[in-house]
C-alpha atoms as a PDB file:
ATOM      1  CA  MET A   1     132.661 141.945 105.556  1.00  0.00           C
ATOM      2  CA  LYS A   2     129.965 140.854 108.036  1.00  0.00           C
ATOM      3  CA  SER A   3     129.772 137.522 106.215  1.00  0.00           C
ATOM      4  CA  MET A   4     133.520 137.035 106.294  1.00  0.00           C
ATOM      5  CA  THR A   5     133.576 137.586 110.096  1.00  0.00           C
ATOM      6  CA  ILE A   6     130.835 134.917 110.507  1.00  0.00           C
ATOM      7  CA  GLN A   7     132.737 132.566 108.385  1.00  0.00           C
ATOM      8  CA  GLN A   8     136.143 133.392 110.585  1.00  0.00           C
ATOM      9  CA  GLU A   9     134.103 132.710 113.808  1.00  0.00           C
ATOM     10  CA  GLN A  10     132.565 129.363 112.510  1.00  0.00           C
ATOM     11  CA  THR A  11     136.006 128.447 111.371  1.00  0.00           C
ATOM     12  CA  LYS A  12     137.359 128.845 115.073  1.00  0.00           C
ATOM     13  CA  LYS A  13     134.986 126.156 116.189  1.00  0.00           C
ATOM     14  CA  ILE A  14     136.152 123.595 113.862  1.00  0.00           C
ATOM     15  CA  LYS A  15     137.920 120.537 115.584  1.00  0.00           C
ATOM     16  CA  LYS A  16     141.434 120.180 115.598  1.00  0.00           C
ATOM     17  CA  GLY A  17     142.508 116.422 115.126  1.00  0.00           C
ATOM     18  CA  LYS A  18     139.974 113.611 114.812  1.00  0.00           C
ATOM     19  CA  GLY A  19     140.527 112.082 117.963  1.00  0.00           C
ATOM     20  CA  PHE A  20     138.740 108.674 118.758  1.00  0.00           C
ATOM     21  CA  SER A  21     136.903 107.560 115.796  1.00  0.00           C
ATOM     22  CA  THR A  22     133.825 105.662 116.697  1.00  0.00           C
ATOM     23  CA  ARG A  23     133.417 104.778 113.041  1.00  0.00           C
ATOM     24  CA  GLN A  24     136.661 102.634 112.974  1.00  0.00           C
ATOM     25  CA  PHE A  25     136.115 101.082 116.410  1.00  0.00           C
ATOM     26  CA  ARG A  26     132.538 100.180 115.504  1.00  0.00           C
ATOM     27  CA  PHE A  27     133.598  98.396 112.309  1.00  0.00           C
ATOM     28  CA  TRP A  28     136.288  96.325 114.164  1.00  0.00           C
ATOM     29  CA  ALA A  29     133.479  95.551 116.815  1.00  0.00           C
ATOM     30  CA  GLN A  30     131.341  94.430 114.089  1.00  0.00           C
ATOM     31  CA  LEU A  31     134.113  92.594 112.299  1.00  0.00           C
ATOM     32  CA  GLY A  32     134.942  90.694 115.879  1.00  0.00           C
ATOM     33  CA  SER A  33     131.222  89.871 116.257  1.00  0.00           C
ATOM     34  CA  PHE A  34     130.987  88.578 112.695  1.00  0.00           C
ATOM     35  CA  ALA A  35     134.074  86.623 113.235  1.00  0.00           C
ATOM     36  CA  ILE A  36     132.767  84.956 116.418  1.00  0.00           C
ATOM     37  CA  ILE A  37     129.360  84.226 114.805  1.00  0.00           C
ATOM     38  CA  VAL A  38     130.972  82.433 111.754  1.00  0.00           C
ATOM     39  CA  TRP A  39     133.232  80.283 114.208  1.00  0.00           C
ATOM     40  CA  ILE A  40     129.840  79.504 115.929  1.00  0.00           C
ATOM     41  CA  GLY A  41     128.242  78.491 112.685  1.00  0.00           C
ATOM     42  CA  TYR A  42     131.544  76.417 111.793  1.00  0.00           C
ATOM     43  CA  GLU A  43     131.222  74.679 115.195  1.00  0.00           C
ATOM     44  CA  PHE A  44     127.630  74.081 114.931  1.00  0.00           C
ATOM     45  CA  VAL A  45     127.890  72.769 111.231  1.00  0.00           C
ATOM     46  CA  ARG A  46     130.619  70.043 112.741  1.00  0.00           C
ATOM     47  CA  PHE A  47     128.022  69.144 115.648  1.00  0.00           C
ATOM     48  CA  VAL A  48     125.218  68.604 113.127  1.00  0.00           C
ATOM     49  CA  SER A  49     127.467  66.574 110.802  1.00  0.00           C
ATOM     50  CA  PHE A  50     128.730  64.604 113.681  1.00  0.00           C
ATOM     51  CA  VAL A  51     124.749  64.076 114.867  1.00  0.00           C
ATOM     52  CA  GLU A  52     123.570  63.139 111.156  1.00  0.00           C
ATOM     53  CA  ARG A  53     126.350  60.381 111.225  1.00  0.00           C
ATOM     54  CA  GLY A  54     124.691  58.864 114.149  1.00  0.00           C
ATOM     55  CA  GLY A  55     127.580  59.809 116.315  1.00  0.00           C
ATOM     56  CA  GLN A  56     129.643  56.900 115.049  1.00  0.00           C
ATOM     57  CA  ILE A  57     132.816  58.658 113.732  1.00  0.00           C
ATOM     58  CA  GLY A  58     135.291  60.414 115.754  1.00  0.00           C
ATOM     59  CA  PRO A  59     134.848  62.275 119.093  1.00  0.00           C
ATOM     60  CA  ALA A  60     131.595  64.335 119.625  1.00  0.00           C
ATOM     61  CA  PRO A  61     132.185  68.135 118.721  1.00  0.00           C
ATOM     62  CA  THR A  62     130.775  70.717 121.228  1.00  0.00           C
ATOM     63  CA  ARG A  63     127.715  72.206 120.208  1.00  0.00           C
ATOM     64  CA  PRO A  64     128.080  76.019 120.607  1.00  0.00           C
ATOM     65  CA  PRO A  65     124.966  77.494 122.550  1.00  0.00           C
ATOM     66  CA  GLY A  66     125.708  80.840 120.821  1.00  0.00           C
ATOM     67  CA  VAL A  67     123.904  79.644 117.722  1.00  0.00           C
ATOM     68  CA  GLU A  68     120.616  80.053 119.786  1.00  0.00           C
ATOM     69  CA  GLY A  69     120.878  83.803 118.774  1.00  0.00           C
ATOM     70  CA  PHE A  70     119.300  82.704 115.581  1.00  0.00           C
ATOM     71  CA  LEU A  71     116.378  81.472 117.489  1.00  0.00           C
ATOM     72  CA  PRO A  72     114.580  84.695 118.543  1.00  0.00           C
ATOM     73  CA  ILE A  73     111.009  83.175 118.583  1.00  0.00           C
ATOM     74  CA  SER A  74     112.199  80.251 120.713  1.00  0.00           C
ATOM     75  CA  GLY A  75     113.778  83.035 123.022  1.00  0.00           C
ATOM     76  CA  LEU A  76     110.312  84.816 123.109  1.00  0.00           C
ATOM     77  CA  ILE A  77     108.515  81.789 123.931  1.00  0.00           C
ATOM     78  CA  SER A  78     111.050  81.126 126.573  1.00  0.00           C
ATOM     79  CA  PHE A  79     110.469  84.612 127.820  1.00  0.00           C
ATOM     80  CA  ARG A  80     106.863  83.863 128.389  1.00  0.00           C
ATOM     81  CA  ASP A  81     107.755  80.415 129.824  1.00  0.00           C
ATOM     82  CA  TRP A  82     110.156  82.057 132.376  1.00  0.00           C
ATOM     83  CA  LEU A  83     107.380  84.757 133.395  1.00  0.00           C
ATOM     84  CA  MET A  84     104.985  81.780 134.058  1.00  0.00           C
ATOM     85  CA  SER A  85     107.339  79.334 135.987  1.00  0.00           C
ATOM     86  CA  GLY A  86     109.768  81.826 137.469  1.00  0.00           C
ATOM     87  CA  HIS A  87     112.980  79.742 136.087  1.00  0.00           C
ATOM     88  CA  VAL A  88     114.705  79.719 132.839  1.00  0.00           C
ATOM     89  CA  ASN A  89     113.913  76.475 131.009  1.00  0.00           C
ATOM     90  CA  LEU A  90     116.979  74.673 129.704  1.00  0.00           C
ATOM     91  CA  ILE A  91     115.828  73.661 126.137  1.00  0.00           C
ATOM     92  CA  HIS A  92     117.458  76.703 124.567  1.00  0.00           C
ATOM     93  CA  PRO A  93     118.393  79.004 127.369  1.00  0.00           C
ATOM     94  CA  ALA A  94     121.055  81.124 125.404  1.00  0.00           C
ATOM     95  CA  SER A  95     118.408  82.119 123.010  1.00  0.00           C
ATOM     96  CA  LEU A  96     116.650  83.988 125.981  1.00  0.00           C
ATOM     97  CA  ILE A  97     119.768  85.171 127.356  1.00  0.00           C
ATOM     98  CA  ILE A  98     120.835  86.828 123.979  1.00  0.00           C
ATOM     99  CA  LEU A  99     117.444  88.279 123.468  1.00  0.00           C
ATOM    100  CA  LEU A 100     117.322  89.715 126.869  1.00  0.00           C
ATOM    101  CA  ALA A 101     120.789  91.084 126.410  1.00  0.00           C
ATOM    102  CA  ALA A 102     119.784  92.907 123.000  1.00  0.00           C
ATOM    103  CA  VAL A 103     116.874  94.302 124.970  1.00  0.00           C
ATOM    104  CA  ILE A 104     118.489  95.699 127.991  1.00  0.00           C
ATOM    105  CA  THR A 105     121.296  97.168 125.895  1.00  0.00           C
ATOM    106  CA  ALA A 106     118.833  98.799 123.573  1.00  0.00           C
ATOM    107  CA  TRP A 107     117.308 100.367 126.558  1.00  0.00           C
ATOM    108  CA  LEU A 108     120.603 101.653 127.740  1.00  0.00           C
ATOM    109  CA  PHE A 109     122.555 102.311 124.442  1.00  0.00           C
ATOM    110  CA  LYS A 110     119.785 102.749 121.782  1.00  0.00           C
ATOM    111  CA  LYS A 111     119.659  99.991 118.934  1.00  0.00           C
ATOM    112  CA  GLY A 112     123.402  99.200 119.547  1.00  0.00           C
ATOM    113  CA  PHE A 113     122.792  95.610 118.852  1.00  0.00           C
ATOM    114  CA  CYS A 114     121.620  96.405 115.289  1.00  0.00           C
ATOM    115  CA  SER A 115     124.970  98.598 114.461  1.00  0.00           C
ATOM    116  CA  TRP A 116     127.497  97.004 116.649  1.00  0.00           C
ATOM    117  CA  VAL A 117     126.759  93.394 116.853  1.00  0.00           C
ATOM    118  CA  CYS A 118     124.187  91.880 114.391  1.00  0.00           C
ATOM    119  CA  PRO A 119     125.728  90.023 111.445  1.00  0.00           C
ATOM    120  CA  VAL A 120     122.791  90.823 109.096  1.00  0.00           C
ATOM    121  CA  GLY A 121     123.282  94.507 110.088  1.00  0.00           C
ATOM    122  CA  PHE A 122     126.883  94.424 109.369  1.00  0.00           C
ATOM    123  CA  ILE A 123     126.397  92.663 105.889  1.00  0.00           C
ATOM    124  CA  SER A 124     123.538  95.268 105.220  1.00  0.00           C
ATOM    125  CA  GLU A 125     126.042  97.913 105.719  1.00  0.00           C
ATOM    126  CA  MET A 126     128.560  96.297 103.266  1.00  0.00           C
ATOM    127  CA  VAL A 127     126.118  95.802 100.927  1.00  0.00           C
ATOM    128  CA  GLY A 128     124.767  99.382 101.276  1.00  0.00           C
ATOM    129  CA  ASN A 129     128.322 100.706 100.738  1.00  0.00           C
ATOM    130  CA  ILE A 130     128.023  98.994  97.419  1.00  0.00           C
ATOM    131  CA  GLY A 131     125.205 100.906  96.558  1.00  0.00           C
ATOM    132  CA  ASP A 132     126.827 104.157  97.655  1.00  0.00           C
ATOM    133  CA  LYS A 133     129.719 103.726  95.226  1.00  0.00           C
ATOM    134  CA  LEU A 134     127.208 102.658  92.326  1.00  0.00           C
ATOM    135  CA  PHE A 135     124.664 105.714  92.748  1.00  0.00           C
ATOM    136  CA  LYS A 136     127.008 108.201  94.194  1.00  0.00           C
ATOM    137  CA  HIS A 137     124.526 109.395  96.765  1.00  0.00           C
ATOM    138  CA  ARG A 138     121.946 107.395  98.930  1.00  0.00           C
ATOM    139  CA  LEU A 139     118.537 106.733  97.467  1.00  0.00           C
ATOM    140  CA  LYS A 140     115.419 107.191  99.783  1.00  0.00           C
ATOM    141  CA  LEU A 141     111.809 106.395  99.261  1.00  0.00           C
ATOM    142  CA  PRO A 142     109.347 109.292  99.267  1.00  0.00           C
ATOM    143  CA  LYS A 143     107.613 109.703 102.691  1.00  0.00           C
ATOM    144  CA  TRP A 144     104.242 108.377 101.549  1.00  0.00           C
ATOM    145  CA  LEU A 145     105.880 105.145 100.813  1.00  0.00           C
ATOM    146  CA  ASP A 146     108.658 105.057 103.214  1.00  0.00           C
ATOM    147  CA  TYR A 147     106.490 105.601 106.471  1.00  0.00           C
ATOM    148  CA  PRO A 148     104.008 102.631 105.396  1.00  0.00           C
ATOM    149  CA  LEU A 149     106.758 100.277 104.471  1.00  0.00           C
ATOM    150  CA  ARG A 150     108.491 101.120 107.865  1.00  0.00           C
ATOM    151  CA  GLY A 151     105.221  99.870 109.607  1.00  0.00           C
ATOM    152  CA  LEU A 152     105.837  96.424 108.106  1.00  0.00           C
ATOM    153  CA  LYS A 153     108.322  95.318 110.690  1.00  0.00           C
ATOM    154  CA  TYR A 154     105.958  96.432 113.584  1.00  0.00           C
ATOM    155  CA  LEU A 155     103.065  94.547 111.884  1.00  0.00           C
ATOM    156  CA  LEU A 156     105.415  91.372 112.014  1.00  0.00           C
ATOM    157  CA  LEU A 157     106.421  92.123 115.656  1.00  0.00           C
ATOM    158  CA  ALA A 158     102.934  92.460 116.610  1.00  0.00           C
ATOM    159  CA  PHE A 159     101.962  89.120 115.121  1.00  0.00           C
ATOM    160  CA  PHE A 160     104.606  87.469 117.046  1.00  0.00           C
ATOM    161  CA  LEU A 161     103.869  89.129 120.199  1.00  0.00           C
ATOM    162  CA  TYR A 162     100.158  88.245 119.865  1.00  0.00           C
ATOM    163  CA  ALA A 163     100.847  84.644 118.989  1.00  0.00           C
ATOM    164  CA  VAL A 164     103.290  84.048 121.973  1.00  0.00           C
ATOM    165  CA  PHE A 165     101.546  86.146 124.625  1.00  0.00           C
ATOM    166  CA  TYR A 166      97.770  86.123 123.824  1.00  0.00           C
ATOM    167  CA  ALA A 167      97.043  83.080 121.325  1.00  0.00           C
ATOM    168  CA  MET A 168      99.171  80.518 123.143  1.00  0.00           C
ATOM    169  CA  SER A 169      97.549  79.252 126.255  1.00  0.00           C
ATOM    170  CA  PRO A 170     100.069  78.430 129.330  1.00  0.00           C
ATOM    171  CA  ASP A 171      99.758  74.812 128.642  1.00  0.00           C
ATOM    172  CA  GLN A 172     100.659  75.335 124.844  1.00  0.00           C
ATOM    173  CA  VAL A 173     103.732  77.275 125.780  1.00  0.00           C
ATOM    174  CA  ARG A 174     104.937  74.548 127.927  1.00  0.00           C
ATOM    175  CA  GLU A 175     104.142  71.970 125.347  1.00  0.00           C
ATOM    176  CA  PHE A 176     105.821  73.831 122.643  1.00  0.00           C
ATOM    177  CA  VAL A 177     109.067  74.395 124.904  1.00  0.00           C
ATOM    178  CA  ALA A 178     109.456  70.549 125.428  1.00  0.00           C
ATOM    179  CA  SER A 179     108.288  69.516 121.794  1.00  0.00           C
ATOM    180  CA  PRO A 180     110.600  67.732 119.490  1.00  0.00           C
ATOM    181  CA  TYR A 181     110.292  70.713 117.192  1.00  0.00           C
ATOM    182  CA  ASN A 182     111.663  73.148 119.478  1.00  0.00           C
ATOM    183  CA  LYS A 183     114.322  70.644 120.533  1.00  0.00           C
ATOM    184  CA  VAL A 184     115.845  70.515 117.115  1.00  0.00           C
ATOM    185  CA  ALA A 185     114.826  74.101 116.045  1.00  0.00           C
ATOM    186  CA  ASP A 186     118.550  75.075 115.896  1.00  0.00           C
ATOM    187  CA  ILE A 187     119.291  72.091 113.320  1.00  0.00           C
ATOM    188  CA  LYS A 188     116.035  73.147 111.420  1.00  0.00           C
ATOM    189  CA  MET A 189     117.337  76.663 111.151  1.00  0.00           C
ATOM    190  CA  LEU A 190     120.642  75.503 109.824  1.00  0.00           C
ATOM    191  CA  LYS A 191     118.804  73.239 107.251  1.00  0.00           C
ATOM    192  CA  PHE A 192     116.971  76.339 106.071  1.00  0.00           C
ATOM    193  CA  PHE A 193     120.338  77.519 104.830  1.00  0.00           C
ATOM    194  CA  THR A 194     122.179  74.359 103.789  1.00  0.00           C
ATOM    195  CA  GLU A 195     119.087  72.993 101.928  1.00  0.00           C
ATOM    196  CA  ILE A 196     117.576  76.217 100.774  1.00  0.00           C
ATOM    197  CA  ASP A 197     114.624  75.945  98.333  1.00  0.00           C
ATOM    198  CA  VAL A 198     114.397  77.962  95.126  1.00  0.00           C
ATOM    199  CA  PHE A 199     111.895  80.365  96.555  1.00  0.00           C
ATOM    200  CA  ALA A 200     113.783  81.285  99.639  1.00  0.00           C
ATOM    201  CA  LEU A 201     117.048  81.728  97.325  1.00  0.00           C
ATOM    202  CA  TRP A 202     115.101  84.055  95.191  1.00  0.00           C
ATOM    203  CA  THR A 203     113.866  86.031  98.364  1.00  0.00           C
ATOM    204  CA  ILE A 204     117.237  86.298  99.652  1.00  0.00           C
ATOM    205  CA  GLY A 205     118.593  87.487  96.165  1.00  0.00           C
ATOM    206  CA  GLY A 206     115.836  89.918  96.049  1.00  0.00           C
ATOM    207  CA  LEU A 207     116.561  91.522  99.473  1.00  0.00           C
ATOM    208  CA  PHE A 208     120.240  91.757  98.500  1.00  0.00           C
ATOM    209  CA  VAL A 209     119.434  93.712  95.376  1.00  0.00           C
ATOM    210  CA  LEU A 210     116.866  95.948  97.167  1.00  0.00           C
ATOM    211  CA  SER A 211     119.525  96.582  99.825  1.00  0.00           C
ATOM    212  CA  ILE A 212     121.976  97.766  97.133  1.00  0.00           C
ATOM    213  CA  ILE A 213     119.160 100.307  95.844  1.00  0.00           C
ATOM    214  CA  LEU A 214     117.809 101.130  99.295  1.00  0.00           C
ATOM    215  CA  ARG A 215     120.388 101.082 102.115  1.00  0.00           C
ATOM    216  CA  GLY A 216     119.215  98.968 104.953  1.00  0.00           C
ATOM    217  CA  PHE A 217     116.235  97.631 103.137  1.00  0.00           C
ATOM    218  CA  TRP A 218     115.629  94.710 105.510  1.00  0.00           C
ATOM    219  CA  CYS A 219     116.601  96.483 108.550  1.00  0.00           C
ATOM    220  CA  ARG A 220     114.441  99.461 107.834  1.00  0.00           C
ATOM    221  CA  TYR A 221     111.365  97.872 106.764  1.00  0.00           C
ATOM    222  CA  LEU A 222     110.983  93.963 107.588  1.00  0.00           C
ATOM    223  CA  CYS A 223     113.092  93.222 110.647  1.00  0.00           C
ATOM    224  CA  PRO A 224     110.795  92.701 113.932  1.00  0.00           C
ATOM    225  CA  TYR A 225     113.685  92.113 116.065  1.00  0.00           C
ATOM    226  CA  GLY A 226     115.031  95.752 115.360  1.00  0.00           C
ATOM    227  CA  GLY A 227     111.351  96.940 115.597  1.00  0.00           C
ATOM    228  CA  LEU A 228     111.377  95.525 119.308  1.00  0.00           C
ATOM    229  CA  LEU A 229     114.757  96.895 119.971  1.00  0.00           C
ATOM    230  CA  GLY A 230     113.662 100.430 118.295  1.00  0.00           C
ATOM    231  CA  LEU A 231     110.756 100.686 120.983  1.00  0.00           C
ATOM    232  CA  PHE A 232     113.048  99.894 123.899  1.00  0.00           C
ATOM    233  CA  SER A 233     115.576 102.334 122.577  1.00  0.00           C
ATOM    234  CA  LEU A 234     113.012 105.628 122.896  1.00  0.00           C
ATOM    235  CA  ALA A 235     113.624 105.243 126.581  1.00  0.00           C
ATOM    236  CA  ALA A 236     117.321 105.183 126.508  1.00  0.00           C
ATOM    237  CA  PRO A 237     119.079 107.619 129.074  1.00  0.00           C
ATOM    238  CA  THR A 238     121.460 109.119 126.485  1.00  0.00           C
ATOM    239  CA  LYS A 239     120.579 111.117 123.413  1.00  0.00           C
ATOM    240  CA  ILE A 240     122.315 112.732 120.654  1.00  0.00           C
ATOM    241  CA  ARG A 241     121.809 116.299 121.119  1.00  0.00           C
ATOM    242  CA  ARG A 242     122.663 119.385 118.578  1.00  0.00           C
ATOM    243  CA  ASP A 243     123.737 122.653 119.976  1.00  0.00           C
ATOM    244  CA  GLU A 244     122.338 125.229 117.642  1.00  0.00           C
ATOM    245  CA  ASN A 245     124.769 127.899 118.594  1.00  0.00           C
ATOM    246  CA  LEU A 246     127.638 125.694 117.578  1.00  0.00           C
ATOM    247  CA  CYS A 247     126.209 124.040 114.438  1.00  0.00           C
ATOM    248  CA  ILE A 248     127.545 125.495 111.330  1.00  0.00           C
ATOM    249  CA  ASN A 249     124.772 123.785 109.193  1.00  0.00           C
ATOM    250  CA  CYS A 250     127.319 121.675 107.190  1.00  0.00           C
ATOM    251  CA  THR A 251     124.590 118.638 107.014  1.00  0.00           C
ATOM    252  CA  ARG A 252     127.282 116.002 107.198  1.00  0.00           C
ATOM    253  CA  CYS A 253     125.497 114.471 110.162  1.00  0.00           C
ATOM    254  CA  ALA A 254     122.305 114.014 108.212  1.00  0.00           C
ATOM    255  CA  LYS A 255     124.108 112.815 105.255  1.00  0.00           C
ATOM    256  CA  VAL A 256     125.864 110.043 106.827  1.00  0.00           C
ATOM    257  CA  CYS A 257     123.230 108.759 109.013  1.00  0.00           C
ATOM    258  CA  PRO A 258     122.225 105.292 107.803  1.00  0.00           C
ATOM    259  CA  SER A 259     118.813 105.664 109.050  1.00  0.00           C
ATOM    260  CA  PHE A 260     118.066 108.956 106.979  1.00  0.00           C
ATOM    261  CA  ILE A 261     117.222 110.970 110.194  1.00  0.00           C
ATOM    262  CA  LYS A 262     117.559 114.606 109.979  1.00  0.00           C
ATOM    263  CA  VAL A 263     119.968 115.188 112.486  1.00  0.00           C
ATOM    264  CA  ASP A 264     120.921 118.609 111.458  1.00  0.00           C
ATOM    265  CA  LYS A 265     117.222 119.800 111.843  1.00  0.00           C
ATOM    266  CA  VAL A 266     116.448 118.580 115.486  1.00  0.00           C
ATOM    267  CA  ILE A 267     117.784 119.493 118.745  1.00  0.00           C
ATOM    268  CA  THR A 268     117.395 116.106 120.338  1.00  0.00           C
ATOM    269  CA  VAL A 269     117.637 112.869 118.324  1.00  0.00           C
ATOM    270  CA  VAL A 270     114.511 110.835 119.239  1.00  0.00           C
ATOM    271  CA  SER A 271     113.958 108.231 116.823  1.00  0.00           C
ATOM    272  CA  ASP A 272     113.102 104.362 116.821  1.00  0.00           C
ATOM    273  CA  GLU A 273     115.256 104.092 113.601  1.00  0.00           C
ATOM    274  CA  CYS A 274     118.346 105.571 115.323  1.00  0.00           C
ATOM    275  CA  SER A 275     121.019 102.516 115.842  1.00  0.00           C
ATOM    276  CA  GLY A 276     123.203 104.257 118.074  1.00  0.00           C
ATOM    277  CA  CYS A 277     126.147 104.076 115.658  1.00  0.00           C
ATOM    278  CA  LEU A 278     127.406 107.404 116.542  1.00  0.00           C
ATOM    279  CA  ASP A 279     128.417 108.054 112.905  1.00  0.00           C
ATOM    280  CA  CYS A 280     126.872 111.476 112.986  1.00  0.00           C
ATOM    281  CA  VAL A 281     128.788 112.468 116.157  1.00  0.00           C
ATOM    282  CA  ASP A 282     131.988 111.063 114.593  1.00  0.00           C
ATOM    283  CA  VAL A 283     131.690 113.226 111.215  1.00  0.00           C
ATOM    284  CA  CYS A 284     130.693 116.503 112.909  1.00  0.00           C
ATOM    285  CA  PRO A 285     133.569 118.998 112.352  1.00  0.00           C
ATOM    286  CA  VAL A 286     132.626 121.165 115.262  1.00  0.00           C
ATOM    287  CA  ASP A 287     133.697 120.479 118.791  1.00  0.00           C
ATOM    288  CA  GLY A 288     130.424 120.245 121.025  1.00  0.00           C
ATOM    289  CA  ALA A 289     128.063 120.932 118.081  1.00  0.00           C
ATOM    290  CA  LEU A 290     126.721 117.286 118.282  1.00  0.00           C
ATOM    291  CA  ASP A 291     127.299 115.151 121.282  1.00  0.00           C
ATOM    292  CA  LEU A 292     125.771 112.518 123.537  1.00  0.00           C
ATOM    293  CA  LYS A 293     123.995 113.699 126.509  1.00  0.00           C
ATOM    294  CA  VAL A 294     122.202 112.310 129.550  1.00  0.00           C
ATOM    295  CA  ILE A 295     118.705 113.485 129.488  1.00  0.00           C
ATOM    296  CA  GLY A 296     118.190 116.406 131.744  1.00  0.00           C
ATOM    297  CA  ARG A 297     121.842 117.039 132.030  1.00  0.00           C
ATOM    298  CA  LYS A 298     123.957 119.316 130.214  1.00  0.00           C
ATOM    299  CA  LYS A 299     127.194 117.396 130.707  1.00  0.00           C
ATOM    300  CA  ARG A 300     128.134 115.307 127.269  1.00  0.00           C
ATOM    301  CA  VAL A 301     129.028 111.839 127.572  1.00  0.00           C
ATOM    302  CA  SER A 302     132.290 110.652 125.902  1.00  0.00           C
ATOM    303  CA  LYS A 303     131.466 108.742 122.650  1.00  0.00           C
ATOM    304  CA  LYS A 304     134.710 106.617 123.464  1.00  0.00           C
ATOM    305  CA  ILE A 305     133.197 105.752 126.964  1.00  0.00           C
ATOM    306  CA  TRP A 306     129.829 105.088 125.351  1.00  0.00           C
ATOM    307  CA  ALA A 307     131.465 102.879 122.613  1.00  0.00           C
ATOM    308  CA  TYR A 308     133.492 100.750 124.986  1.00  0.00           C
ATOM    309  CA  ALA A 309     130.447 100.757 127.595  1.00  0.00           C
ATOM    310  CA  PHE A 310     128.252  99.124 125.117  1.00  0.00           C
ATOM    311  CA  VAL A 311     130.767  96.440 123.814  1.00  0.00           C
ATOM    312  CA  VAL A 312     131.301  95.612 127.518  1.00  0.00           C
ATOM    313  CA  ALA A 313     127.689  95.491 128.370  1.00  0.00           C
ATOM    314  CA  PHE A 314     126.584  93.119 125.713  1.00  0.00           C
ATOM    315  CA  TRP A 315     129.317  90.658 125.473  1.00  0.00           C
ATOM    316  CA  GLY A 316     130.212  90.954 129.129  1.00  0.00           C
ATOM    317  CA  THR A 317     126.562  89.791 129.836  1.00  0.00           C
ATOM    318  CA  LEU A 318     126.956  86.933 127.655  1.00  0.00           C
ATOM    319  CA  LEU A 319     130.204  85.794 129.031  1.00  0.00           C
ATOM    320  CA  ALA A 320     128.837  85.926 132.583  1.00  0.00           C
ATOM    321  CA  PHE A 321     126.015  83.493 131.745  1.00  0.00           C
ATOM    322  CA  LYS A 322     128.543  81.483 129.779  1.00  0.00           C
ATOM    323  CA  LEU A 323     130.586  80.901 133.096  1.00  0.00           C
ATOM    324  CA  LEU A 324     127.829  81.113 135.800  1.00  0.00           C
ATOM    325  CA  GLY A 325     124.674  79.763 133.493  1.00  0.00           C
ATOM    326  CA  PRO A 326     122.145  79.442 132.395  1.00  0.00           C
ATOM    327  CA  TRP A 327     123.629  78.982 129.068  1.00  0.00           C
ATOM    328  CA  GLN A 328     124.047  75.199 127.976  1.00  0.00           C
ATOM    329  CA  ASN A 329     121.087  73.355 127.259  1.00  0.00           C
ATOM    330  CA  ASN A 330     120.099  70.188 128.620  1.00  0.00           C
ATOM    331  CA  ILE A 331     119.657  68.166 125.344  1.00  0.00           C
ATOM    332  CA  THR A 332     122.049  65.279 125.128  1.00  0.00           C
ATOM    333  CA  THR A 333     123.727  64.339 121.993  1.00  0.00           C
ATOM    334  CA  GLN A 334     121.999  60.961 122.043  1.00  0.00           C
ATOM    335  CA  GLU A 335     118.769  63.005 122.179  1.00  0.00           C
ATOM    336  CA  TYR A 336     120.093  65.094 119.027  1.00  0.00           C
ATOM    337  CA  ILE A 337     120.731  61.950 117.121  1.00  0.00           C
ATOM    338  CA  TYR A 338     117.316  60.228 118.140  1.00  0.00           C
ATOM    339  CA  HIS A 339     115.340  63.707 116.964  1.00  0.00           C
ATOM    340  CA  THR A 340     117.433  64.142 113.919  1.00  0.00           C
ATOM    341  CA  GLU A 341     116.783  60.485 112.762  1.00  0.00           C
ATOM    342  CA  ARG A 342     113.008  61.249 112.941  1.00  0.00           C
ATOM    343  CA  MET A 343     113.119  64.686 111.850  1.00  0.00           C
ATOM    344  CA  ASN A 344     111.421  64.309 108.537  1.00  0.00           C
ATOM    345  CA  GLY A 345     108.427  62.535 110.562  1.00  0.00           C
ATOM    346  CA  ALA A 346     105.164  64.889 110.852  1.00  0.00           C
ATOM    347  CA  GLU A 347     105.556  65.117 114.547  1.00  0.00           C
ATOM    348  CA  TYR A 348     108.922  67.299 113.984  1.00  0.00           C
ATOM    349  CA  ASN A 349     107.063  69.470 111.454  1.00  0.00           C
ATOM    350  CA  HIS A 350     104.614  70.844 113.619  1.00  0.00           C
ATOM    351  CA  PRO A 351     105.029  72.535 116.976  1.00  0.00           C
ATOM    352  CA  GLY A 352     103.302  70.765 119.905  1.00  0.00           C
ATOM    353  CA  ARG A 353     102.620  67.471 118.334  1.00  0.00           C
END
């Protein structure tokens, strides 16, 4: 009789109606981001094709600066150059702006870039969904293997930070920024995919298979970009909090978490793996049991407002720089043609020569 009373009390807490679904909104945000990136890729392929023909056929296509989002190392070196010089160099300025936008929004909205914008994250989720259907449940490595592997992305991050901020002298940084290698880094990045070798193809294929078996394999274990954003996300002012008095221990939040965080076992989610997807908040069946809250305050933050705020903050920042600058690089089409014609030379295969 007593257990029946407890069940009745818990049933009264169940939400009525679904309301705003962050999962649906996030999917459309991801799909929109992916469409933008595909369009950027298409425009860049057109530009590179024009350059490789020597600029002789047809009007010159516009090079989309957004392609520099795939040059995080160039952005990191540009960041150091900015710290040294006090101004943003115009070789690949968008790479720096996109990097800073991702880092700043990670500090404000956790690793929102990974789960709301990143094309690799989006593809990884779609591939992970295939694995969910195949295996009927999400596979996870044991702790003794999972924790060391998660450290790999931080080792890669440490290597890049060491190389850029310690190993490179100020003169080497300036030399690299102005080098022919860096100027055509965007075209070299494209060539990696259009002229992919067998080893790289097998590597990508292996990552694809591993991502089916272990959801988010690349993001969880190998992505240094995600590692950097994860560190900044720990300082985010909003955290997901669980109310023990309202929680009915249904474990839905933990089951849906793509990062395998035991949301149902903690009061406040503090994890570098939390991507701010809000799936756990969305599936919680009890009003108020799981919410976003500002640290030190009891009042909850609307997940709808949080989701809109992130999208506006990230894309609004990029739009502002697109309109006001710096955004466009100062490499002319003729320079691209000149460097592309000589790209196979040794001086273009070694930074700083």
